Amino acid sequence: MREYLLFVDTETSGIPRDWSKPYSSRDNWPHIVQLAWVVYTRDGQEVKAENHYIQPNDYDMSPASGSIHGLTLDFLRANGKPRHTVMHRLHRDLLRYHPLVVAHFMQLDYHMVSVGFYRAGLQNPLEHLPTFCTMRATGELVRYTNRRFLRLGELYQRLFQEPMPQQHDALADAYATARCFFELERQGAVTSETIAQQGPMGLANPLNAGKPKRRFKVGVAAWLLISGLALVVLAFLLIAR
């Protein structure tokens, strides 16, 4: 395992409409309104914590998202920082610590952070770092057949027999994810093997802001020609037998 671990959480202006679209699809991807991360050493010692709000200069808030995390555009205008400033700080820490990046519901946080880097004009270090999703590690703890994983608050309650404080605040969620991770590791549910089994998020979800990958297309005439040649070769082989 890496020498450092970085636990990250995002609060957003909405949810993605289509997870398969590139980051350049502006209307598809929501915006980060709060971004927090906490860095720990391998043995669980906290190194640093950062918590930032992002100015809503180019986005609105969906009513559903606002009702979940309680952040308003007025609050973000008064307390937010420019996106590039915030994303640059995270970019610097990812390069400095080269950590294992951990989140609860990593799929969302990975893509939101990646979109943030794209919109800030920064290279995405997450593409080259290992990731781990604590939510995906809760499958064996689910007691109901219609559920696949535990929410962060449910996992916290299950592990520590107490309610999780300040749910849907990015910094509180990052701290809660870290506490859950280290407890799952202590119990043997998280190991180097289970981390490796999840695989790198960047390879599992190769979304990027570039042009769509080119696909080899064969026209009808070319397909008929290839099929005809194949039939000729097959006939020749049969005759030659």
C-alpha atoms as a PDB file:
ATOM      1  CA  MET A   1       0.000   0.000   0.000  1.00  0.00           C
ATOM      2  CA  ARG A   2       1.076   3.595  -0.591  1.00  0.00           C
ATOM      3  CA  GLU A   3       2.881   5.595   2.079  1.00  0.00           C
ATOM      4  CA  TYR A   4       0.046   8.133   2.075  1.00  0.00           C
ATOM      5  CA  LEU A   5      -3.734   7.963   1.734  1.00  0.00           C
ATOM      6  CA  LEU A   6      -5.921  10.835   0.575  1.00  0.00           C
ATOM      7  CA  PHE A   7      -9.621  10.742   1.464  1.00  0.00           C
ATOM      8  CA  VAL A   8     -11.704  12.987  -0.769  1.00  0.00           C
ATOM      9  CA  ASP A   9     -15.342  14.044  -0.925  1.00  0.00           C
ATOM     10  CA  THR A  10     -17.346  16.401  -3.123  1.00  0.00           C
ATOM     11  CA  GLU A  11     -20.683  18.151  -2.831  1.00  0.00           C
ATOM     12  CA  THR A  12     -22.127  19.006  -6.215  1.00  0.00           C
ATOM     13  CA  SER A  13     -24.628  21.228  -7.998  1.00  0.00           C
ATOM     14  CA  GLY A  14     -26.477  18.212  -9.410  1.00  0.00           C
ATOM     15  CA  ILE A  15     -25.920  14.729 -10.797  1.00  0.00           C
ATOM     16  CA  PRO A  16     -24.487  13.634 -14.168  1.00  0.00           C
ATOM     17  CA  ARG A  17     -27.069  13.090 -16.878  1.00  0.00           C
ATOM     18  CA  ASP A  18     -24.988  10.527 -18.759  1.00  0.00           C
ATOM     19  CA  TRP A  19     -21.931   8.894 -17.155  1.00  0.00           C
ATOM     20  CA  SER A  20     -20.510   7.930 -20.558  1.00  0.00           C
ATOM     21  CA  LYS A  21     -20.110  11.429 -21.989  1.00  0.00           C
ATOM     22  CA  PRO A  22     -16.720  13.210 -22.086  1.00  0.00           C
ATOM     23  CA  TYR A  23     -15.880  15.957 -19.645  1.00  0.00           C
ATOM     24  CA  SER A  24     -16.114  18.526 -22.429  1.00  0.00           C
ATOM     25  CA  SER A  25     -19.891  17.999 -22.472  1.00  0.00           C
ATOM     26  CA  ARG A  26     -20.670  21.051 -20.368  1.00  0.00           C
ATOM     27  CA  ASP A  27     -24.403  20.552 -19.796  1.00  0.00           C
ATOM     28  CA  ASN A  28     -23.952  16.884 -18.894  1.00  0.00           C
ATOM     29  CA  TRP A  29     -21.668  17.223 -15.886  1.00  0.00           C
ATOM     30  CA  PRO A  30     -22.577  19.164 -12.738  1.00  0.00           C
ATOM     31  CA  HIS A  31     -20.139  21.345 -10.801  1.00  0.00           C
ATOM     32  CA  ILE A  32     -18.298  20.880  -7.530  1.00  0.00           C
ATOM     33  CA  VAL A  33     -19.656  23.291  -4.931  1.00  0.00           C
ATOM     34  CA  GLN A  34     -17.563  21.971  -2.013  1.00  0.00           C
ATOM     35  CA  LEU A  35     -14.354  19.957  -2.170  1.00  0.00           C
ATOM     36  CA  ALA A  36     -12.513  18.534   0.835  1.00  0.00           C
ATOM     37  CA  TRP A  37      -9.681  16.090   1.326  1.00  0.00           C
ATOM     38  CA  VAL A  38      -7.692  14.711   4.245  1.00  0.00           C
ATOM     39  CA  VAL A  39      -4.210  13.190   3.935  1.00  0.00           C
ATOM     40  CA  TYR A  40      -3.073  10.422   6.293  1.00  0.00           C
ATOM     41  CA  THR A  41       0.082   8.400   6.666  1.00  0.00           C
ATOM     42  CA  ARG A  42      -0.111   4.663   6.162  1.00  0.00           C
ATOM     43  CA  ASP A  43      -0.378   4.095   9.937  1.00  0.00           C
ATOM     44  CA  GLY A  44      -3.340   6.464  10.300  1.00  0.00           C
ATOM     45  CA  GLN A  45      -1.673   9.721  11.359  1.00  0.00           C
ATOM     46  CA  GLU A  46      -3.341  12.822   9.918  1.00  0.00           C
ATOM     47  CA  VAL A  47      -0.994  14.952   7.827  1.00  0.00           C
ATOM     48  CA  LYS A  48      -3.293  17.725   6.643  1.00  0.00           C
ATOM     49  CA  ALA A  49      -6.901  18.585   5.816  1.00  0.00           C
ATOM     50  CA  GLU A  50      -8.350  21.031   3.292  1.00  0.00           C
ATOM     51  CA  ASN A  51     -11.925  22.236   2.837  1.00  0.00           C
ATOM     52  CA  HIS A  52     -13.005  24.655   0.085  1.00  0.00           C
ATOM     53  CA  TYR A  53     -16.139  26.082  -1.497  1.00  0.00           C
ATOM     54  CA  ILE A  54     -16.137  27.023  -5.163  1.00  0.00           C
ATOM     55  CA  GLN A  55     -17.597  30.270  -6.486  1.00  0.00           C
ATOM     56  CA  PRO A  56     -20.752  29.781  -8.620  1.00  0.00           C
ATOM     57  CA  ASN A  57     -19.607  32.040 -11.455  1.00  0.00           C
ATOM     58  CA  ASP A  58     -20.684  29.625 -14.187  1.00  0.00           C
ATOM     59  CA  TYR A  59     -23.207  27.245 -12.670  1.00  0.00           C
ATOM     60  CA  ASP A  60     -26.575  27.054 -10.943  1.00  0.00           C
ATOM     61  CA  MET A  61     -27.731  24.743  -8.159  1.00  0.00           C
ATOM     62  CA  SER A  62     -30.391  22.097  -8.656  1.00  0.00           C
ATOM     63  CA  PRO A  63     -33.084  22.296  -5.948  1.00  0.00           C
ATOM     64  CA  ALA A  64     -32.598  18.599  -5.144  1.00  0.00           C
ATOM     65  CA  SER A  65     -28.860  18.977  -4.515  1.00  0.00           C
ATOM     66  CA  GLY A  66     -29.315  22.138  -2.493  1.00  0.00           C
ATOM     67  CA  SER A  67     -31.802  20.378  -0.243  1.00  0.00           C
ATOM     68  CA  ILE A  68     -29.288  17.589   0.449  1.00  0.00           C
ATOM     69  CA  HIS A  69     -26.163  19.556   1.388  1.00  0.00           C
ATOM     70  CA  GLY A  70     -27.829  22.838   2.313  1.00  0.00           C
ATOM     71  CA  LEU A  71     -25.444  25.057   0.351  1.00  0.00           C
ATOM     72  CA  THR A  72     -26.913  28.075  -1.435  1.00  0.00           C
ATOM     73  CA  LEU A  73     -25.600  30.231  -4.257  1.00  0.00           C
ATOM     74  CA  ASP A  74     -25.505  33.243  -1.932  1.00  0.00           C
ATOM     75  CA  PHE A  75     -23.367  31.328   0.571  1.00  0.00           C
ATOM     76  CA  LEU A  76     -21.033  30.144  -2.179  1.00  0.00           C
ATOM     77  CA  ARG A  77     -20.669  33.653  -3.603  1.00  0.00           C
ATOM     78  CA  ALA A  78     -19.682  34.933  -0.166  1.00  0.00           C
ATOM     79  CA  ASN A  79     -17.420  32.042   0.851  1.00  0.00           C
ATOM     80  CA  GLY A  80     -16.284  30.415  -2.367  1.00  0.00           C
ATOM     81  CA  LYS A  81     -12.899  30.554  -4.073  1.00  0.00           C
ATOM     82  CA  PRO A  82     -12.086  30.441  -7.792  1.00  0.00           C
ATOM     83  CA  ARG A  83     -12.229  26.920  -9.202  1.00  0.00           C
ATOM     84  CA  HIS A  84      -8.644  27.001 -10.482  1.00  0.00           C
ATOM     85  CA  THR A  85      -7.328  27.986  -7.046  1.00  0.00           C
ATOM     86  CA  VAL A  86      -9.078  25.078  -5.329  1.00  0.00           C
ATOM     87  CA  MET A  87      -8.283  22.477  -7.979  1.00  0.00           C
ATOM     88  CA  HIS A  88      -4.645  23.584  -8.076  1.00  0.00           C
ATOM     89  CA  ARG A  89      -4.314  22.914  -4.342  1.00  0.00           C
ATOM     90  CA  LEU A  90      -5.645  19.380  -4.748  1.00  0.00           C
ATOM     91  CA  HIS A  91      -3.510  18.889  -7.862  1.00  0.00           C
ATOM     92  CA  ARG A  92      -0.432  19.881  -5.845  1.00  0.00           C
ATOM     93  CA  ASP A  93      -1.218  17.438  -3.016  1.00  0.00           C
ATOM     94  CA  LEU A  94      -1.881  14.534  -5.372  1.00  0.00           C
ATOM     95  CA  LEU A  95       1.496  15.083  -7.006  1.00  0.00           C
ATOM     96  CA  ARG A  96       3.269  15.678  -3.701  1.00  0.00           C
ATOM     97  CA  TYR A  97       1.965  12.668  -1.763  1.00  0.00           C
ATOM     98  CA  HIS A  98       1.248  10.298  -4.662  1.00  0.00           C
ATOM     99  CA  PRO A  99      -1.374   8.645  -2.444  1.00  0.00           C
ATOM    100  CA  LEU A 100      -3.939   5.908  -2.553  1.00  0.00           C
ATOM    101  CA  VAL A 101      -7.098   7.964  -3.169  1.00  0.00           C
ATOM    102  CA  VAL A 102     -10.124   6.804  -1.176  1.00  0.00           C
ATOM    103  CA  ALA A 103     -13.771   7.884  -1.319  1.00  0.00           C
ATOM    104  CA  HIS A 104     -17.213   6.541  -0.506  1.00  0.00           C
ATOM    105  CA  PHE A 105     -18.952   6.261  -3.904  1.00  0.00           C
ATOM    106  CA  MET A 106     -15.666   6.782  -5.701  1.00  0.00           C
ATOM    107  CA  GLN A 107     -17.354   6.729  -9.110  1.00  0.00           C
ATOM    108  CA  LEU A 108     -18.963  10.102  -8.444  1.00  0.00           C
ATOM    109  CA  ASP A 109     -16.032  11.735  -6.654  1.00  0.00           C
ATOM    110  CA  TYR A 110     -13.511  10.495  -9.225  1.00  0.00           C
ATOM    111  CA  HIS A 111     -15.445  11.952 -12.126  1.00  0.00           C
ATOM    112  CA  MET A 112     -16.360  15.190 -10.373  1.00  0.00           C
ATOM    113  CA  VAL A 113     -12.727  15.840  -9.437  1.00  0.00           C
ATOM    114  CA  SER A 114     -11.661  14.928 -12.973  1.00  0.00           C
ATOM    115  CA  VAL A 115     -14.248  17.329 -14.422  1.00  0.00           C
ATOM    116  CA  GLY A 116     -12.949  19.972 -12.031  1.00  0.00           C
ATOM    117  CA  PHE A 117      -9.399  19.500 -13.300  1.00  0.00           C
ATOM    118  CA  TYR A 118     -10.606  19.699 -16.896  1.00  0.00           C
ATOM    119  CA  ARG A 119     -12.545  22.913 -16.287  1.00  0.00           C
ATOM    120  CA  ALA A 120      -9.560  24.418 -14.469  1.00  0.00           C
ATOM    121  CA  GLY A 121      -7.238  23.582 -17.370  1.00  0.00           C
ATOM    122  CA  LEU A 122      -5.117  21.179 -15.312  1.00  0.00           C
ATOM    123  CA  GLN A 123      -3.800  17.716 -16.071  1.00  0.00           C
ATOM    124  CA  ASN A 124      -5.603  14.969 -14.146  1.00  0.00           C
ATOM    125  CA  PRO A 125      -3.258  13.173 -11.673  1.00  0.00           C
ATOM    126  CA  LEU A 126      -6.035  10.735 -10.726  1.00  0.00           C
ATOM    127  CA  GLU A 127      -5.469   8.901 -13.986  1.00  0.00           C
ATOM    128  CA  HIS A 128      -2.138   7.665 -12.649  1.00  0.00           C
ATOM    129  CA  LEU A 129      -3.044   6.967  -9.019  1.00  0.00           C
ATOM    130  CA  PRO A 130      -4.628   3.930  -7.341  1.00  0.00           C
ATOM    131  CA  THR A 131      -8.142   4.410  -5.971  1.00  0.00           C
ATOM    132  CA  PHE A 132     -10.380   2.607  -3.514  1.00  0.00           C
ATOM    133  CA  CYS A 133     -14.115   2.878  -2.897  1.00  0.00           C
ATOM    134  CA  THR A 134     -15.248   2.122   0.654  1.00  0.00           C
ATOM    135  CA  MET A 135     -18.842   1.822  -0.571  1.00  0.00           C
ATOM    136  CA  ARG A 136     -17.935  -1.093  -2.844  1.00  0.00           C
ATOM    137  CA  ALA A 137     -16.256  -2.753   0.138  1.00  0.00           C
ATOM    138  CA  THR A 138     -19.559  -2.902   2.061  1.00  0.00           C
ATOM    139  CA  GLY A 139     -21.267  -5.534  -0.082  1.00  0.00           C
ATOM    140  CA  GLU A 140     -20.835  -8.291   2.484  1.00  0.00           C
ATOM    141  CA  LEU A 141     -22.302  -6.070   5.214  1.00  0.00           C
ATOM    142  CA  VAL A 142     -25.640  -5.491   3.473  1.00  0.00           C
ATOM    143  CA  ARG A 143     -28.442  -7.370   5.194  1.00  0.00           C
ATOM    144  CA  TYR A 144     -31.210  -6.692   2.682  1.00  0.00           C
ATOM    145  CA  THR A 145     -31.478  -8.391  -0.685  1.00  0.00           C
ATOM    146  CA  ASN A 146     -32.630  -5.247  -2.530  1.00  0.00           C
ATOM    147  CA  ARG A 147     -29.508  -3.318  -1.546  1.00  0.00           C
ATOM    148  CA  ARG A 148     -26.000  -3.789  -2.871  1.00  0.00           C
ATOM    149  CA  PHE A 149     -23.999  -1.390  -0.711  1.00  0.00           C
ATOM    150  CA  LEU A 150     -24.216   0.713   2.449  1.00  0.00           C
ATOM    151  CA  ARG A 151     -24.383   4.495   2.399  1.00  0.00           C
ATOM    152  CA  LEU A 152     -21.626   6.269   4.317  1.00  0.00           C
ATOM    153  CA  GLY A 153     -23.881   7.095   7.256  1.00  0.00           C
ATOM    154  CA  GLU A 154     -25.108   3.506   7.404  1.00  0.00           C
ATOM    155  CA  LEU A 155     -21.562   2.129   7.353  1.00  0.00           C
ATOM    156  CA  TYR A 156     -20.480   4.576  10.052  1.00  0.00           C
ATOM    157  CA  GLN A 157     -23.420   3.579  12.261  1.00  0.00           C
ATOM    158  CA  ARG A 158     -22.717  -0.120  11.679  1.00  0.00           C
ATOM    159  CA  LEU A 159     -19.029   0.181  12.558  1.00  0.00           C
ATOM    160  CA  PHE A 160     -19.168   2.568  15.508  1.00  0.00           C
ATOM    161  CA  GLN A 161     -22.743   2.220  16.861  1.00  0.00           C
ATOM    162  CA  GLU A 162     -23.246   5.970  16.719  1.00  0.00           C
ATOM    163  CA  PRO A 163     -24.702   8.363  14.147  1.00  0.00           C
ATOM    164  CA  MET A 164     -22.330  10.000  11.722  1.00  0.00           C
ATOM    165  CA  PRO A 165     -21.908  13.744  12.407  1.00  0.00           C
ATOM    166  CA  GLN A 166     -22.685  16.400   9.767  1.00  0.00           C
ATOM    167  CA  GLN A 167     -23.633  14.186   6.851  1.00  0.00           C
ATOM    168  CA  HIS A 168     -23.335  15.765   3.383  1.00  0.00           C
ATOM    169  CA  ASP A 169     -20.608  18.167   4.417  1.00  0.00           C
ATOM    170  CA  ALA A 170     -17.572  17.331   2.301  1.00  0.00           C
ATOM    171  CA  LEU A 171     -15.008  17.666   5.091  1.00  0.00           C
ATOM    172  CA  ALA A 172     -17.096  15.684   7.586  1.00  0.00           C
ATOM    173  CA  ASP A 173     -17.689  13.002   4.959  1.00  0.00           C
ATOM    174  CA  ALA A 174     -13.970  12.794   4.153  1.00  0.00           C
ATOM    175  CA  TYR A 175     -13.142  12.343   7.842  1.00  0.00           C
ATOM    176  CA  ALA A 176     -15.903   9.744   8.242  1.00  0.00           C
ATOM    177  CA  THR A 177     -14.644   7.837   5.194  1.00  0.00           C
ATOM    178  CA  ALA A 178     -11.141   7.790   6.667  1.00  0.00           C
ATOM    179  CA  ARG A 179     -12.375   6.499  10.022  1.00  0.00           C
ATOM    180  CA  CYS A 180     -14.430   3.792   8.303  1.00  0.00           C
ATOM    181  CA  PHE A 181     -11.511   2.782   6.084  1.00  0.00           C
ATOM    182  CA  PHE A 182      -9.109   2.299   8.971  1.00  0.00           C
ATOM    183  CA  GLU A 183     -11.726   0.389  10.972  1.00  0.00           C
ATOM    184  CA  LEU A 184     -12.509  -1.889   8.017  1.00  0.00           C
ATOM    185  CA  GLU A 185      -8.786  -2.460   7.647  1.00  0.00           C
ATOM    186  CA  ARG A 186      -8.483  -3.276  11.354  1.00  0.00           C
ATOM    187  CA  GLN A 187     -11.288  -5.819  10.984  1.00  0.00           C
ATOM    188  CA  GLY A 188      -9.614  -7.394   7.946  1.00  0.00           C
ATOM    189  CA  ALA A 189     -12.268  -6.328   5.445  1.00  0.00           C
ATOM    190  CA  VAL A 190      -9.800  -4.026   3.666  1.00  0.00           C
ATOM    191  CA  THR A 191      -6.453  -5.494   2.653  1.00  0.00           C
ATOM    192  CA  SER A 192      -3.876  -4.943  -0.052  1.00  0.00           C
ATOM    193  CA  GLU A 193      -5.647  -7.688  -2.000  1.00  0.00           C
ATOM    194  CA  THR A 194      -9.117  -6.116  -1.791  1.00  0.00           C
ATOM    195  CA  ILE A 195      -7.652  -2.758  -2.824  1.00  0.00           C
ATOM    196  CA  ALA A 196      -5.947  -4.328  -5.829  1.00  0.00           C
ATOM    197  CA  GLN A 197      -9.136  -6.189  -6.787  1.00  0.00           C
ATOM    198  CA  GLN A 198     -11.037  -2.943  -7.339  1.00  0.00           C
ATOM    199  CA  GLY A 199      -8.486  -1.843  -9.930  1.00  0.00           C
ATOM    200  CA  PRO A 200      -7.618   1.691 -11.013  1.00  0.00           C
ATOM    201  CA  MET A 201     -10.683   3.868 -11.452  1.00  0.00           C
ATOM    202  CA  GLY A 202      -9.195   5.637 -14.428  1.00  0.00           C
ATOM    203  CA  LEU A 203      -8.978   2.410 -16.411  1.00  0.00           C
ATOM    204  CA  ALA A 204     -12.419   1.222 -15.374  1.00  0.00           C
ATOM    205  CA  ASN A 205     -14.005   4.499 -16.442  1.00  0.00           C
ATOM    206  CA  PRO A 206     -11.882   5.968 -19.250  1.00  0.00           C
ATOM    207  CA  LEU A 207     -13.799   9.246 -19.613  1.00  0.00           C
ATOM    208  CA  ASN A 208     -11.775  12.201 -20.764  1.00  0.00           C
ATOM    209  CA  ALA A 209     -12.126  15.563 -22.362  1.00  0.00           C
ATOM    210  CA  GLY A 210     -10.533  14.649 -25.661  1.00  0.00           C
ATOM    211  CA  LYS A 211     -12.032  13.681 -28.964  1.00  0.00           C
ATOM    212  CA  PRO A 212     -14.002  10.434 -29.179  1.00  0.00           C
ATOM    213  CA  LYS A 213     -11.926   7.436 -30.054  1.00  0.00           C
ATOM    214  CA  ARG A 214     -11.924   6.594 -33.712  1.00  0.00           C
ATOM    215  CA  ARG A 215     -13.595   3.372 -34.662  1.00  0.00           C
ATOM    216  CA  PHE A 216     -12.730   1.351 -37.744  1.00  0.00           C
ATOM    217  CA  LYS A 217     -15.765   1.404 -40.029  1.00  0.00           C
ATOM    218  CA  VAL A 218     -16.156  -0.885 -43.010  1.00  0.00           C
ATOM    219  CA  GLY A 219     -18.431   0.245 -45.824  1.00  0.00           C
ATOM    220  CA  VAL A 220     -20.951  -2.067 -47.472  1.00  0.00           C
ATOM    221  CA  ALA A 221     -18.894  -2.414 -50.651  1.00  0.00           C
ATOM    222  CA  ALA A 222     -15.745  -3.217 -48.679  1.00  0.00           C
ATOM    223  CA  TRP A 223     -17.622  -5.753 -46.599  1.00  0.00           C
ATOM    224  CA  LEU A 224     -18.941  -7.485 -49.721  1.00  0.00           C
ATOM    225  CA  LEU A 225     -15.454  -7.562 -51.220  1.00  0.00           C
ATOM    226  CA  ILE A 226     -13.960  -9.083 -48.057  1.00  0.00           C
ATOM    227  CA  SER A 227     -16.775 -11.629 -47.857  1.00  0.00           C
ATOM    228  CA  GLY A 228     -16.312 -12.540 -51.511  1.00  0.00           C
ATOM    229  CA  LEU A 229     -12.593 -13.079 -51.078  1.00  0.00           C
ATOM    230  CA  ALA A 230     -13.252 -15.227 -48.046  1.00  0.00           C
ATOM    231  CA  LEU A 231     -15.645 -17.418 -50.049  1.00  0.00           C
ATOM    232  CA  VAL A 232     -13.101 -17.785 -52.870  1.00  0.00           C
ATOM    233  CA  VAL A 233     -10.413 -18.846 -50.388  1.00  0.00           C
ATOM    234  CA  LEU A 234     -12.800 -21.295 -48.736  1.00  0.00           C
ATOM    235  CA  ALA A 235     -13.800 -22.804 -52.102  1.00  0.00           C
ATOM    236  CA  PHE A 236     -10.146 -23.174 -53.086  1.00  0.00           C
ATOM    237  CA  LEU A 237      -9.365 -24.970 -49.846  1.00  0.00           C
ATOM    238  CA  LEU A 238     -12.282 -27.336 -50.288  1.00  0.00           C
ATOM    239  CA  ILE A 239     -11.259 -28.159 -53.851  1.00  0.00           C
ATOM    240  CA  ALA A 240      -7.686 -28.713 -52.794  1.00  0.00           C
ATOM    241  CA  ARG A 241      -8.660 -31.321 -50.187  1.00  0.00           C
END
